[in-house]
Amino acid sequence: MNAKTPPPAIVGAHARITDMSAMQELLEPLPPKIAVDVRKLATRCRRGRAGMRYDAASQKAFWMQHTHDGVVTVVTFLHITTVEVAAELWGAIMRAAPVCAERLSAIYAEVTGHTVEAIGTLN
C-alpha cells in the first residue's frame, strides 16, 4: 500500500426495527439514498432479506440485512472504487451465505486485495 492510500476498513452497525432511536442512529451516517433503501428494507421487506448498494460519491458499498428476529444490520465497506468491485463483493457475499464478521473480512480481502484486522462498529 502506498502512502496516499488510506487503510481499508469495514464498519458494521445494527438496530432493532422497534427501537426508533437506534434506527435513527443507524441511518444518520449513511448517504441519503442508502438510508432510504435501508429504511425500505426495515419497513417494507419481509425479514430475512439482504441487499447491497453502492455510493460512487463516497466510494463505499453497503451490505444490509433484515434478520428474522427484527434486527437491521448495515456493513459499510470503504475504499470500493467502482460499482463493478461492489458487484463482485456482493456476489462473493451471496456465495458465502450465511456470513459472519470474520467471513466478511475475508471476502473483502479476496475481492479488494486489502486485509482488515477487525470490523469497526458504530453501535
N, C-alpha and C. Protein backbone atom coordinates (compact mmCIF):
# COMPACT_ATOMS: atom_id res chain seq x y z
N MET A 1 0.84 -1.16 0.00
CA MET A 1 0.00 0.00 0.00
C MET A 1 0.89 1.24 0.00
N ASN A 2 0.59 2.22 -0.87
CA ASN A 2 1.41 3.41 -0.90
C ASN A 2 0.96 4.42 0.15
N ALA A 3 1.71 5.49 0.33
CA ALA A 3 1.42 6.47 1.39
C ALA A 3 0.11 7.21 1.14
N LYS A 4 -0.35 7.28 -0.09
CA LYS A 4 -1.59 8.00 -0.41
C LYS A 4 -2.84 7.18 -0.12
N THR A 5 -2.71 5.89 -0.03
CA THR A 5 -3.86 5.02 0.16
C THR A 5 -4.16 4.86 1.64
N PRO A 6 -5.36 5.29 2.07
CA PRO A 6 -5.72 5.09 3.46
C PRO A 6 -5.94 3.60 3.74
N PRO A 7 -5.81 3.19 4.98
CA PRO A 7 -6.03 1.78 5.28
C PRO A 7 -7.47 1.39 4.96
N PRO A 8 -7.68 0.21 4.39
CA PRO A 8 -9.04 -0.23 4.09
C PRO A 8 -9.81 -0.46 5.38
N ALA A 9 -11.12 -0.38 5.29
CA ALA A 9 -11.91 -0.54 6.50
C ALA A 9 -13.29 -1.11 6.20
N ILE A 10 -13.82 -1.78 7.18
CA ILE A 10 -15.20 -2.26 7.17
C ILE A 10 -15.81 -1.81 8.50
N VAL A 11 -17.02 -1.25 8.42
CA VAL A 11 -17.69 -0.79 9.64
C VAL A 11 -19.09 -1.39 9.67
N GLY A 12 -19.47 -1.95 10.79
CA GLY A 12 -20.79 -2.55 10.94
C GLY A 12 -21.62 -1.84 11.99
N ALA A 13 -22.92 -1.82 11.78
CA ALA A 13 -23.86 -1.25 12.75
C ALA A 13 -25.17 -2.04 12.65
N HIS A 14 -25.90 -2.05 13.73
CA HIS A 14 -27.18 -2.76 13.73
C HIS A 14 -28.17 -2.06 14.64
N ALA A 15 -29.46 -2.33 14.39
CA ALA A 15 -30.52 -1.76 15.22
C ALA A 15 -31.75 -2.65 15.12
N ARG A 16 -32.45 -2.76 16.22
CA ARG A 16 -33.73 -3.47 16.21
C ARG A 16 -34.77 -2.52 15.61
N ILE A 17 -35.59 -3.02 14.70
CA ILE A 17 -36.52 -2.14 13.99
C ILE A 17 -37.55 -1.49 14.91
N THR A 18 -37.78 -2.05 16.07
CA THR A 18 -38.74 -1.46 17.01
C THR A 18 -38.10 -0.37 17.88
N ASP A 19 -36.80 -0.19 17.79
CA ASP A 19 -36.09 0.83 18.56
C ASP A 19 -35.81 2.03 17.65
N MET A 20 -36.71 3.00 17.67
CA MET A 20 -36.63 4.15 16.77
C MET A 20 -35.34 4.94 16.95
N SER A 21 -34.88 5.07 18.17
CA SER A 21 -33.64 5.80 18.44
C SER A 21 -32.44 5.09 17.81
N ALA A 22 -32.39 3.80 17.97
CA ALA A 22 -31.29 3.01 17.39
C ALA A 22 -31.36 3.03 15.88
N MET A 23 -32.57 2.98 15.32
CA MET A 23 -32.71 3.04 13.86
C MET A 23 -32.23 4.39 13.34
N GLN A 24 -32.56 5.46 14.02
CA GLN A 24 -32.10 6.78 13.60
C GLN A 24 -30.57 6.86 13.66
N GLU A 25 -29.98 6.31 14.70
CA GLU A 25 -28.52 6.28 14.83
C GLU A 25 -27.89 5.45 13.71
N LEU A 26 -28.55 4.38 13.32
CA LEU A 26 -28.06 3.55 12.23
C LEU A 26 -28.10 4.31 10.89
N LEU A 27 -29.18 5.03 10.65
CA LEU A 27 -29.38 5.70 9.38
C LEU A 27 -28.61 7.01 9.23
N GLU A 28 -28.37 7.69 10.32
CA GLU A 28 -27.79 9.04 10.29
C GLU A 28 -26.49 9.17 9.50
N PRO A 29 -25.50 8.29 9.66
CA PRO A 29 -24.24 8.49 8.93
C PRO A 29 -24.27 8.03 7.47
N LEU A 30 -25.37 7.44 7.04
CA LEU A 30 -25.44 6.90 5.69
C LEU A 30 -25.76 7.98 4.67
N PRO A 31 -25.27 7.84 3.43
CA PRO A 31 -25.69 8.76 2.37
C PRO A 31 -27.22 8.68 2.25
N PRO A 32 -27.88 9.79 1.92
CA PRO A 32 -29.36 9.83 1.91
C PRO A 32 -30.02 8.71 1.10
N LYS A 33 -29.54 8.42 -0.10
CA LYS A 33 -30.16 7.37 -0.91
C LYS A 33 -30.00 5.99 -0.27
N ILE A 34 -28.88 5.77 0.37
CA ILE A 34 -28.64 4.49 1.05
C ILE A 34 -29.56 4.38 2.26
N ALA A 35 -29.70 5.47 3.01
CA ALA A 35 -30.58 5.47 4.18
C ALA A 35 -32.02 5.16 3.77
N VAL A 36 -32.47 5.69 2.64
CA VAL A 36 -33.82 5.39 2.14
C VAL A 36 -33.96 3.90 1.87
N ASP A 37 -32.95 3.31 1.23
CA ASP A 37 -33.00 1.87 0.94
C ASP A 37 -33.00 1.02 2.20
N VAL A 38 -32.21 1.42 3.20
CA VAL A 38 -32.18 0.68 4.47
C VAL A 38 -33.53 0.79 5.16
N ARG A 39 -34.11 1.99 5.15
CA ARG A 39 -35.43 2.17 5.76
C ARG A 39 -36.48 1.31 5.05
N LYS A 40 -36.43 1.24 3.73
CA LYS A 40 -37.35 0.38 2.97
C LYS A 40 -37.16 -1.08 3.35
N LEU A 41 -35.91 -1.50 3.46
CA LEU A 41 -35.62 -2.89 3.85
C LEU A 41 -36.23 -3.18 5.22
N ALA A 42 -36.12 -2.22 6.13
CA ALA A 42 -36.62 -2.41 7.50
C ALA A 42 -38.13 -2.40 7.59
N THR A 43 -38.78 -1.61 6.73
CA THR A 43 -40.22 -1.43 6.89
C THR A 43 -41.08 -2.13 5.85
N ARG A 44 -40.53 -2.38 4.66
CA ARG A 44 -41.35 -2.93 3.59
C ARG A 44 -41.01 -4.35 3.18
N CYS A 45 -39.82 -4.77 3.48
CA CYS A 45 -39.39 -6.12 3.07
C CYS A 45 -39.59 -7.11 4.20
N ARG A 46 -39.87 -8.33 3.81
CA ARG A 46 -40.02 -9.35 4.84
C ARG A 46 -38.66 -9.63 5.48
N ARG A 47 -38.72 -10.09 6.70
CA ARG A 47 -37.49 -10.40 7.42
C ARG A 47 -36.73 -11.52 6.72
N GLY A 48 -35.41 -11.49 6.87
CA GLY A 48 -34.57 -12.46 6.23
C GLY A 48 -33.99 -11.98 4.91
N ARG A 49 -34.35 -10.77 4.50
CA ARG A 49 -33.87 -10.22 3.24
C ARG A 49 -32.52 -9.52 3.43
N ALA A 50 -31.73 -9.47 2.37
CA ALA A 50 -30.45 -8.77 2.38
C ALA A 50 -30.27 -8.10 1.03
N GLY A 51 -29.38 -7.13 0.99
CA GLY A 51 -29.10 -6.44 -0.26
C GLY A 51 -27.80 -5.68 -0.16
N MET A 52 -27.41 -5.12 -1.29
CA MET A 52 -26.16 -4.36 -1.34
C MET A 52 -26.40 -3.13 -2.20
N ARG A 53 -25.85 -2.02 -1.78
CA ARG A 53 -25.93 -0.77 -2.53
C ARG A 53 -24.54 -0.17 -2.62
N TYR A 54 -24.34 0.64 -3.66
CA TYR A 54 -23.05 1.30 -3.86
C TYR A 54 -23.27 2.80 -3.97
N ASP A 55 -22.41 3.56 -3.32
CA ASP A 55 -22.45 5.02 -3.40
C ASP A 55 -21.13 5.48 -4.04
N ALA A 56 -21.20 5.91 -5.29
CA ALA A 56 -20.00 6.29 -6.03
C ALA A 56 -19.32 7.51 -5.43
N ALA A 57 -20.09 8.47 -4.95
CA ALA A 57 -19.51 9.70 -4.40
C ALA A 57 -18.59 9.43 -3.21
N SER A 58 -18.98 8.49 -2.36
CA SER A 58 -18.17 8.18 -1.18
C SER A 58 -17.27 6.97 -1.39
N GLN A 59 -17.43 6.28 -2.51
CA GLN A 59 -16.71 5.05 -2.82
C GLN A 59 -16.88 4.02 -1.70
N LYS A 60 -18.14 3.83 -1.32
CA LYS A 60 -18.48 2.87 -0.28
C LYS A 60 -19.56 1.93 -0.80
N ALA A 61 -19.48 0.69 -0.36
CA ALA A 61 -20.53 -0.29 -0.62
C ALA A 61 -21.20 -0.60 0.72
N PHE A 62 -22.50 -0.78 0.68
CA PHE A 62 -23.28 -1.01 1.91
C PHE A 62 -24.04 -2.31 1.77
N TRP A 63 -23.70 -3.28 2.64
CA TRP A 63 -24.43 -4.54 2.70
C TRP A 63 -25.44 -4.40 3.83
N MET A 64 -26.68 -4.71 3.53
CA MET A 64 -27.73 -4.55 4.54
C MET A 64 -28.53 -5.83 4.65
N GLN A 65 -28.99 -6.10 5.87
CA GLN A 65 -29.76 -7.32 6.11
C GLN A 65 -30.81 -7.04 7.17
N HIS A 66 -31.99 -7.61 6.95
CA HIS A 66 -33.09 -7.56 7.92
C HIS A 66 -33.28 -9.00 8.39
N THR A 67 -32.84 -9.29 9.61
CA THR A 67 -32.85 -10.67 10.09
C THR A 67 -34.25 -11.10 10.52
N HIS A 68 -34.40 -12.39 10.69
CA HIS A 68 -35.69 -12.94 11.10
C HIS A 68 -36.14 -12.45 12.47
N ASP A 69 -35.19 -12.03 13.32
CA ASP A 69 -35.57 -11.55 14.65
C ASP A 69 -35.75 -10.04 14.71
N GLY A 70 -35.84 -9.36 13.55
CA GLY A 70 -36.17 -7.95 13.52
C GLY A 70 -35.00 -7.01 13.72
N VAL A 71 -33.80 -7.44 13.41
CA VAL A 71 -32.62 -6.58 13.53
C VAL A 71 -32.13 -6.23 12.12
N VAL A 72 -31.89 -4.95 11.92
CA VAL A 72 -31.32 -4.48 10.66
C VAL A 72 -29.83 -4.27 10.88
N THR A 73 -29.03 -4.84 10.00
CA THR A 73 -27.58 -4.69 10.05
C THR A 73 -27.12 -4.01 8.77
N VAL A 74 -26.21 -3.05 8.93
CA VAL A 74 -25.59 -2.40 7.78
C VAL A 74 -24.08 -2.52 7.96
N VAL A 75 -23.43 -3.11 6.97
CA VAL A 75 -21.98 -3.21 6.97
C VAL A 75 -21.49 -2.32 5.83
N THR A 76 -20.63 -1.36 6.18
CA THR A 76 -20.10 -0.42 5.21
C THR A 76 -18.68 -0.84 4.83
N PHE A 77 -18.47 -1.01 3.54
CA PHE A 77 -17.16 -1.35 3.01
C PHE A 77 -16.58 -0.09 2.40
N LEU A 78 -15.50 0.41 2.98
CA LEU A 78 -14.87 1.62 2.48
C LEU A 78 -13.87 1.28 1.39
N HIS A 79 -13.52 2.29 0.60
CA HIS A 79 -12.50 2.17 -0.45
C HIS A 79 -12.90 1.21 -1.56
N ILE A 80 -14.17 1.22 -1.92
CA ILE A 80 -14.67 0.43 -3.04
C ILE A 80 -14.76 1.40 -4.23
N THR A 81 -13.81 1.31 -5.13
CA THR A 81 -13.62 2.35 -6.13
C THR A 81 -14.62 2.35 -7.29
N THR A 82 -15.23 1.21 -7.58
CA THR A 82 -16.17 1.15 -8.71
C THR A 82 -17.38 0.29 -8.36
N VAL A 83 -18.43 0.50 -9.14
CA VAL A 83 -19.62 -0.32 -8.95
C VAL A 83 -19.32 -1.78 -9.31
N GLU A 84 -18.37 -2.01 -10.20
CA GLU A 84 -18.01 -3.37 -10.57
C GLU A 84 -17.37 -4.11 -9.39
N VAL A 85 -16.54 -3.41 -8.63
CA VAL A 85 -15.95 -4.02 -7.43
C VAL A 85 -17.05 -4.31 -6.41
N ALA A 86 -17.99 -3.37 -6.27
CA ALA A 86 -19.11 -3.59 -5.35
C ALA A 86 -19.93 -4.81 -5.78
N ALA A 87 -20.15 -4.96 -7.08
CA ALA A 87 -20.91 -6.11 -7.58
C ALA A 87 -20.15 -7.41 -7.32
N GLU A 88 -18.85 -7.38 -7.49
CA GLU A 88 -18.03 -8.56 -7.21
C GLU A 88 -18.10 -8.92 -5.71
N LEU A 89 -18.06 -7.90 -4.88
CA LEU A 89 -18.18 -8.09 -3.43
C LEU A 89 -19.53 -8.71 -3.07
N TRP A 90 -20.61 -8.19 -3.67
CA TRP A 90 -21.95 -8.71 -3.42
C TRP A 90 -22.06 -10.16 -3.85
N GLY A 91 -21.52 -10.48 -5.02
CA GLY A 91 -21.54 -11.86 -5.49
C GLY A 91 -20.82 -12.80 -4.55
N ALA A 92 -19.67 -12.37 -4.05
CA ALA A 92 -18.91 -13.20 -3.11
C ALA A 92 -19.67 -13.37 -1.79
N ILE A 93 -20.34 -12.33 -1.34
CA ILE A 93 -21.13 -12.44 -0.10
C ILE A 93 -22.29 -13.42 -0.31
N MET A 94 -22.96 -13.33 -1.44
CA MET A 94 -24.08 -14.23 -1.73
C MET A 94 -23.61 -15.69 -1.78
N ARG A 95 -22.46 -15.93 -2.37
CA ARG A 95 -21.94 -17.30 -2.46
C ARG A 95 -21.53 -17.83 -1.09
N ALA A 96 -21.18 -16.95 -0.16
CA ALA A 96 -20.69 -17.36 1.16
C ALA A 96 -21.79 -17.45 2.21
N ALA A 97 -23.01 -17.08 1.85
CA ALA A 97 -24.09 -17.01 2.83
C ALA A 97 -24.25 -18.34 3.56
N PRO A 98 -24.58 -18.32 4.85
CA PRO A 98 -24.68 -17.13 5.70
C PRO A 98 -23.30 -16.59 6.07
N VAL A 99 -23.26 -15.30 6.34
CA VAL A 99 -21.98 -14.65 6.62
C VAL A 99 -21.88 -14.21 8.07
N CYS A 100 -20.64 -14.08 8.53
CA CYS A 100 -20.35 -13.56 9.85
C CYS A 100 -19.26 -12.51 9.68
N ALA A 101 -18.91 -11.82 10.74
CA ALA A 101 -17.92 -10.75 10.67
C ALA A 101 -16.58 -11.22 10.11
N GLU A 102 -16.12 -12.36 10.56
CA GLU A 102 -14.84 -12.87 10.10
C GLU A 102 -14.89 -13.19 8.60
N ARG A 103 -15.99 -13.75 8.16
CA ARG A 103 -16.13 -14.09 6.75
C ARG A 103 -16.20 -12.83 5.89
N LEU A 104 -16.87 -11.77 6.37
CA LEU A 104 -16.93 -10.53 5.62
C LEU A 104 -15.54 -9.94 5.43
N SER A 105 -14.72 -10.00 6.46
CA SER A 105 -13.34 -9.51 6.35
C SER A 105 -12.57 -10.30 5.30
N ALA A 106 -12.74 -11.61 5.29
CA ALA A 106 -12.05 -12.46 4.33
C ALA A 106 -12.54 -12.18 2.91
N ILE A 107 -13.83 -11.99 2.74
CA ILE A 107 -14.39 -11.69 1.43
C ILE A 107 -13.85 -10.35 0.92
N TYR A 108 -13.83 -9.36 1.78
CA TYR A 108 -13.29 -8.04 1.42
C TYR A 108 -11.85 -8.19 0.94
N ALA A 109 -11.07 -8.96 1.66
CA ALA A 109 -9.66 -9.18 1.29
C ALA A 109 -9.55 -9.89 -0.05
N GLU A 110 -10.39 -10.91 -0.27
CA GLU A 110 -10.37 -11.65 -1.52
C GLU A 110 -10.69 -10.76 -2.71
N VAL A 111 -11.68 -9.89 -2.56
CA VAL A 111 -12.14 -9.06 -3.66
C VAL A 111 -11.24 -7.85 -3.90
N THR A 112 -10.80 -7.20 -2.83
CA THR A 112 -10.05 -5.95 -2.98
C THR A 112 -8.54 -6.11 -2.91
N GLY A 113 -8.09 -7.20 -2.30
CA GLY A 113 -6.66 -7.38 -2.09
C GLY A 113 -6.15 -6.70 -0.83
N HIS A 114 -7.05 -6.06 -0.09
CA HIS A 114 -6.69 -5.41 1.18
C HIS A 114 -7.12 -6.29 2.35
N THR A 115 -6.33 -6.34 3.38
CA THR A 115 -6.72 -7.10 4.57
C THR A 115 -7.26 -6.17 5.63
N VAL A 116 -8.15 -6.69 6.43
CA VAL A 116 -8.75 -5.95 7.52
C VAL A 116 -8.59 -6.79 8.78
N GLU A 117 -8.01 -6.21 9.79
CA GLU A 117 -7.81 -6.94 11.05
C GLU A 117 -9.12 -7.18 11.79
N ALA A 118 -9.94 -6.14 11.86
CA ALA A 118 -11.21 -6.25 12.60
C ALA A 118 -12.24 -5.33 11.98
N ILE A 119 -13.48 -5.65 12.17
CA ILE A 119 -14.56 -4.80 11.69
C ILE A 119 -14.89 -3.81 12.80
N GLY A 120 -14.88 -2.53 12.46
CA GLY A 120 -15.26 -1.50 13.41
C GLY A 120 -16.76 -1.50 13.62
N THR A 121 -17.19 -0.94 14.72
CA THR A 121 -18.63 -0.87 14.98
C THR A 121 -19.02 0.58 15.25
N LEU A 122 -20.22 0.91 14.81
CA LEU A 122 -20.78 2.23 15.07
C LEU A 122 -21.65 2.20 16.30
N ASN A 123 -22.19 1.04 16.64
CA ASN A 123 -23.07 0.94 17.82
C ASN A 123 -22.92 -0.43 18.45
